[in-house]
Amino acid sequence: MENISASADQMRRIWHISDDFQNPITETSRWRIISRPHAWRPPTDVYETENTIIIRVEVAGMRDSDFTISLVERTLTIRGIRQDTSERRAYHQMEIAFGEFTTEVELPYTIIAEKVEAVYHDGFLRITLPITKPKHIKVEGD
């Protein structure tokens, strides 16, 4: 995998949340949020608590049914389309993105997929991903 560093003034589409994040299970794992060039990426927070990873996406003006969320191995993909009105208008300033968006988050942990929860409330999509803990096996002697 190629390491790509991005600064705010570069036009790169891959952003490393932390290049030196240390995973207690695999030291080469990293957090990454990936955007696709054909879609905009809403502001996204990624943080963890003791037993979960939380993904919080700021994307107002949508309905629960507007989102498609998938988890494949350690990659969480959030997709949606924020519709704009069809009325004709002349913008003086335009900062609110509309249309298709995609955010992919590469996770450094294995997730308990059947316990993932997603809630959309007050313009924020919050996804809770329970982390699997390593199983410690006791070795018994003779």
C-alpha atoms as a PDB file:
ATOM      1  CA  MET A   1       0.000   0.000   0.000  1.00  0.00           C
ATOM      2  CA  GLU A   2       1.320   3.433  -0.945  1.00  0.00           C
ATOM      3  CA  ASN A   3       1.603   6.059   1.792  1.00  0.00           C
ATOM      4  CA  ILE A   4       0.215   9.397   0.684  1.00  0.00           C
ATOM      5  CA  SER A   5       0.564  12.508   2.800  1.00  0.00           C
ATOM      6  CA  ALA A   6      -1.871  15.319   2.213  1.00  0.00           C
ATOM      7  CA  SER A   7      -1.966  18.895   3.375  1.00  0.00           C
ATOM      8  CA  ALA A   8      -4.906  21.265   3.205  1.00  0.00           C
ATOM      9  CA  ASP A   9      -3.619  22.945   0.045  1.00  0.00           C
ATOM     10  CA  GLN A  10      -3.046  19.743  -1.917  1.00  0.00           C
ATOM     11  CA  MET A  11      -5.682  18.180  -4.151  1.00  0.00           C
ATOM     12  CA  ARG A  12      -5.136  14.620  -2.920  1.00  0.00           C
ATOM     13  CA  ARG A  13      -8.191  12.492  -2.139  1.00  0.00           C
ATOM     14  CA  ILE A  14      -6.710  10.313   0.633  1.00  0.00           C
ATOM     15  CA  TRP A  15      -6.334  11.696   4.130  1.00  0.00           C
ATOM     16  CA  HIS A  16      -4.569   9.865   6.950  1.00  0.00           C
ATOM     17  CA  ILE A  17      -6.190  10.598  10.283  1.00  0.00           C
ATOM     18  CA  SER A  18      -2.982   9.562  11.998  1.00  0.00           C
ATOM     19  CA  ASP A  19       0.192   8.272  10.380  1.00  0.00           C
ATOM     20  CA  ASP A  20       1.613   6.966  13.620  1.00  0.00           C
ATOM     21  CA  PHE A  21      -1.496   5.369  15.173  1.00  0.00           C
ATOM     22  CA  GLN A  22      -0.399   2.260  17.044  1.00  0.00           C
ATOM     23  CA  ASN A  23      -2.808  -0.672  17.149  1.00  0.00           C
ATOM     24  CA  PRO A  24      -2.083  -3.023  20.050  1.00  0.00           C
ATOM     25  CA  ILE A  25      -2.835  -6.005  17.796  1.00  0.00           C
ATOM     26  CA  THR A  26      -1.064  -4.979  14.571  1.00  0.00           C
ATOM     27  CA  GLU A  27       1.372  -2.080  14.629  1.00  0.00           C
ATOM     28  CA  THR A  28       1.065  -1.508  10.869  1.00  0.00           C
ATOM     29  CA  SER A  29      -2.664  -0.719  11.015  1.00  0.00           C
ATOM     30  CA  ARG A  30      -3.820   2.879  10.475  1.00  0.00           C
ATOM     31  CA  TRP A  31      -6.942   4.919  10.387  1.00  0.00           C
ATOM     32  CA  ARG A  32      -7.762   6.325   6.963  1.00  0.00           C
ATOM     33  CA  ILE A  33     -10.698   8.212   5.558  1.00  0.00           C
ATOM     34  CA  ILE A  34     -10.880   7.913   1.785  1.00  0.00           C
ATOM     35  CA  SER A  35     -12.903  10.167  -0.520  1.00  0.00           C
ATOM     36  CA  ARG A  36     -13.724   9.446  -4.112  1.00  0.00           C
ATOM     37  CA  PRO A  37     -13.177  12.144  -6.767  1.00  0.00           C
ATOM     38  CA  HIS A  38     -16.734  11.908  -8.179  1.00  0.00           C
ATOM     39  CA  ALA A  39     -18.399  12.589  -4.832  1.00  0.00           C
ATOM     40  CA  TRP A  40     -18.081  15.110  -2.030  1.00  0.00           C
ATOM     41  CA  ARG A  41     -17.167  14.052   1.501  1.00  0.00           C
ATOM     42  CA  PRO A  42     -19.085  15.457   4.466  1.00  0.00           C
ATOM     43  CA  PRO A  43     -17.206  16.407   7.666  1.00  0.00           C
ATOM     44  CA  THR A  44     -16.492  13.173   9.516  1.00  0.00           C
ATOM     45  CA  ASP A  45     -15.246  12.510  13.052  1.00  0.00           C
ATOM     46  CA  VAL A  46     -13.717   9.157  13.985  1.00  0.00           C
ATOM     47  CA  TYR A  47     -12.962   8.395  17.610  1.00  0.00           C
ATOM     48  CA  GLU A  48     -12.889   5.442  19.940  1.00  0.00           C
ATOM     49  CA  THR A  49     -14.036   4.637  23.419  1.00  0.00           C
ATOM     50  CA  GLU A  50     -12.937   1.642  25.456  1.00  0.00           C
ATOM     51  CA  ASN A  51     -15.027  -0.892  23.493  1.00  0.00           C
ATOM     52  CA  THR A  52     -16.234   0.942  20.378  1.00  0.00           C
ATOM     53  CA  ILE A  53     -15.259   3.091  17.435  1.00  0.00           C
ATOM     54  CA  ILE A  54     -17.639   5.970  16.738  1.00  0.00           C
ATOM     55  CA  ILE A  55     -18.047   7.507  13.287  1.00  0.00           C
ATOM     56  CA  ARG A  56     -19.966  10.801  13.290  1.00  0.00           C
ATOM     57  CA  VAL A  57     -20.877  12.397   9.957  1.00  0.00           C
ATOM     58  CA  GLU A  58     -22.310  15.912   9.694  1.00  0.00           C
ATOM     59  CA  VAL A  59     -24.825  15.780   6.864  1.00  0.00           C
ATOM     60  CA  ALA A  60     -27.997  17.792   7.444  1.00  0.00           C
ATOM     61  CA  GLY A  61     -31.116  17.772   5.321  1.00  0.00           C
ATOM     62  CA  MET A  62     -31.431  14.031   4.787  1.00  0.00           C
ATOM     63  CA  ARG A  63     -33.663  11.147   5.851  1.00  0.00           C
ATOM     64  CA  ASP A  64     -32.682   7.796   7.369  1.00  0.00           C
ATOM     65  CA  SER A  65     -33.487   6.102   4.062  1.00  0.00           C
ATOM     66  CA  ASP A  66     -31.020   8.339   2.150  1.00  0.00           C
ATOM     67  CA  PHE A  67     -27.999   6.463   3.539  1.00  0.00           C
ATOM     68  CA  THR A  68     -26.334   3.221   2.490  1.00  0.00           C
ATOM     69  CA  ILE A  69     -23.817   1.899   5.012  1.00  0.00           C
ATOM     70  CA  SER A  70     -21.731  -1.228   4.511  1.00  0.00           C
ATOM     71  CA  LEU A  71     -18.951  -2.929   6.457  1.00  0.00           C
ATOM     72  CA  VAL A  72     -16.654  -5.269   4.535  1.00  0.00           C
ATOM     73  CA  GLU A  73     -13.847  -6.673   6.671  1.00  0.00           C
ATOM     74  CA  ARG A  74     -12.223  -3.509   8.121  1.00  0.00           C
ATOM     75  CA  THR A  75     -13.647  -0.954   5.676  1.00  0.00           C
ATOM     76  CA  LEU A  76     -16.791   1.002   6.527  1.00  0.00           C
ATOM     77  CA  THR A  77     -18.435   2.715   3.549  1.00  0.00           C
ATOM     78  CA  ILE A  78     -21.062   5.449   3.951  1.00  0.00           C
ATOM     79  CA  ARG A  79     -22.903   6.593   0.832  1.00  0.00           C
ATOM     80  CA  GLY A  80     -25.834   8.846   0.197  1.00  0.00           C
ATOM     81  CA  ILE A  81     -27.348  11.520  -1.964  1.00  0.00           C
ATOM     82  CA  ARG A  82     -28.372  14.885  -0.561  1.00  0.00           C
ATOM     83  CA  GLN A  83     -31.017  16.297  -2.886  1.00  0.00           C
ATOM     84  CA  ASP A  84     -31.143  19.971  -3.807  1.00  0.00           C
ATOM     85  CA  THR A  85     -34.358  21.697  -4.802  1.00  0.00           C
ATOM     86  CA  SER A  86     -35.067  21.880  -8.505  1.00  0.00           C
ATOM     87  CA  GLU A  87     -35.943  25.581  -8.503  1.00  0.00           C
ATOM     88  CA  ARG A  88     -33.908  27.868 -10.734  1.00  0.00           C
ATOM     89  CA  ARG A  89     -31.772  30.407  -8.870  1.00  0.00           C
ATOM     90  CA  ALA A  90     -28.674  32.560  -9.222  1.00  0.00           C
ATOM     91  CA  TYR A  91     -26.203  31.914  -6.409  1.00  0.00           C
ATOM     92  CA  HIS A  92     -24.184  34.743  -4.861  1.00  0.00           C
ATOM     93  CA  GLN A  93     -22.380  32.241  -2.665  1.00  0.00           C
ATOM     94  CA  MET A  94     -22.582  28.432  -2.628  1.00  0.00           C
ATOM     95  CA  GLU A  95     -20.917  26.398   0.104  1.00  0.00           C
ATOM     96  CA  ILE A  96     -23.419  23.630   0.817  1.00  0.00           C
ATOM     97  CA  ALA A  97     -22.655  20.488  -1.166  1.00  0.00           C
ATOM     98  CA  PHE A  98     -25.444  18.490  -2.779  1.00  0.00           C
ATOM     99  CA  GLY A  99     -25.533  15.288  -4.758  1.00  0.00           C
ATOM    100  CA  GLU A 100     -23.739  12.004  -4.172  1.00  0.00           C
ATOM    101  CA  PHE A 101     -21.313  11.624  -1.300  1.00  0.00           C
ATOM    102  CA  THR A 102     -19.091   8.750  -0.247  1.00  0.00           C
ATOM    103  CA  THR A 103     -16.856   8.268   2.764  1.00  0.00           C
ATOM    104  CA  GLU A 104     -14.784   5.157   3.408  1.00  0.00           C
ATOM    105  CA  VAL A 105     -13.055   4.587   6.724  1.00  0.00           C
ATOM    106  CA  GLU A 106     -10.378   1.910   7.013  1.00  0.00           C
ATOM    107  CA  LEU A 107     -10.462   0.627  10.571  1.00  0.00           C
ATOM    108  CA  PRO A 108      -7.490  -0.809  12.477  1.00  0.00           C
ATOM    109  CA  TYR A 109      -9.643  -3.288  14.431  1.00  0.00           C
ATOM    110  CA  THR A 110     -11.967  -6.143  13.628  1.00  0.00           C
ATOM    111  CA  ILE A 111     -15.578  -5.113  14.272  1.00  0.00           C
ATOM    112  CA  ILE A 112     -18.475  -7.185  15.652  1.00  0.00           C
ATOM    113  CA  ALA A 113     -20.624  -6.649  12.545  1.00  0.00           C
ATOM    114  CA  GLU A 114     -23.930  -7.917  13.969  1.00  0.00           C
ATOM    115  CA  LYS A 115     -23.781  -5.286  16.765  1.00  0.00           C
ATOM    116  CA  VAL A 116     -23.108  -2.211  14.581  1.00  0.00           C
ATOM    117  CA  GLU A 117     -25.681   0.553  15.115  1.00  0.00           C
ATOM    118  CA  ALA A 118     -26.439   3.652  13.011  1.00  0.00           C
ATOM    119  CA  VAL A 119     -28.629   6.563  14.117  1.00  0.00           C
ATOM    120  CA  TYR A 120     -29.415   9.762  12.192  1.00  0.00           C
ATOM    121  CA  HIS A 121     -30.532  12.651  14.406  1.00  0.00           C
ATOM    122  CA  ASP A 122     -30.325  16.464  14.164  1.00  0.00           C
ATOM    123  CA  GLY A 123     -28.188  16.407  11.015  1.00  0.00           C
ATOM    124  CA  PHE A 124     -25.617  13.907  12.336  1.00  0.00           C
ATOM    125  CA  LEU A 125     -25.229  10.279  11.324  1.00  0.00           C
ATOM    126  CA  ARG A 126     -23.652   8.367  14.222  1.00  0.00           C
ATOM    127  CA  ILE A 127     -22.349   4.844  13.642  1.00  0.00           C
ATOM    128  CA  THR A 128     -21.260   2.776  16.636  1.00  0.00           C
ATOM    129  CA  LEU A 129     -18.874  -0.086  15.833  1.00  0.00           C
ATOM    130  CA  PRO A 130     -18.138  -2.544  18.677  1.00  0.00           C
ATOM    131  CA  ILE A 131     -14.493  -3.677  18.666  1.00  0.00           C
ATOM    132  CA  THR A 132     -13.556  -7.334  19.050  1.00  0.00           C
ATOM    133  CA  LYS A 133     -11.114  -7.953  21.854  1.00  0.00           C
ATOM    134  CA  PRO A 134      -8.258 -10.431  21.501  1.00  0.00           C
ATOM    135  CA  LYS A 135      -9.035 -13.714  23.187  1.00  0.00           C
ATOM    136  CA  HIS A 136      -6.435 -14.690  25.737  1.00  0.00           C
ATOM    137  CA  ILE A 137      -5.851 -18.434  25.936  1.00  0.00           C
ATOM    138  CA  LYS A 138      -4.525 -19.890  29.128  1.00  0.00           C
ATOM    139  CA  VAL A 139      -1.821 -22.492  28.687  1.00  0.00           C
ATOM    140  CA  GLU A 140      -2.054 -25.308  31.196  1.00  0.00           C
ATOM    141  CA  GLY A 141       0.903 -27.465  32.162  1.00  0.00           C
ATOM    142  CA  ASP A 142       1.176 -31.131  33.111  1.00  0.00           C
END
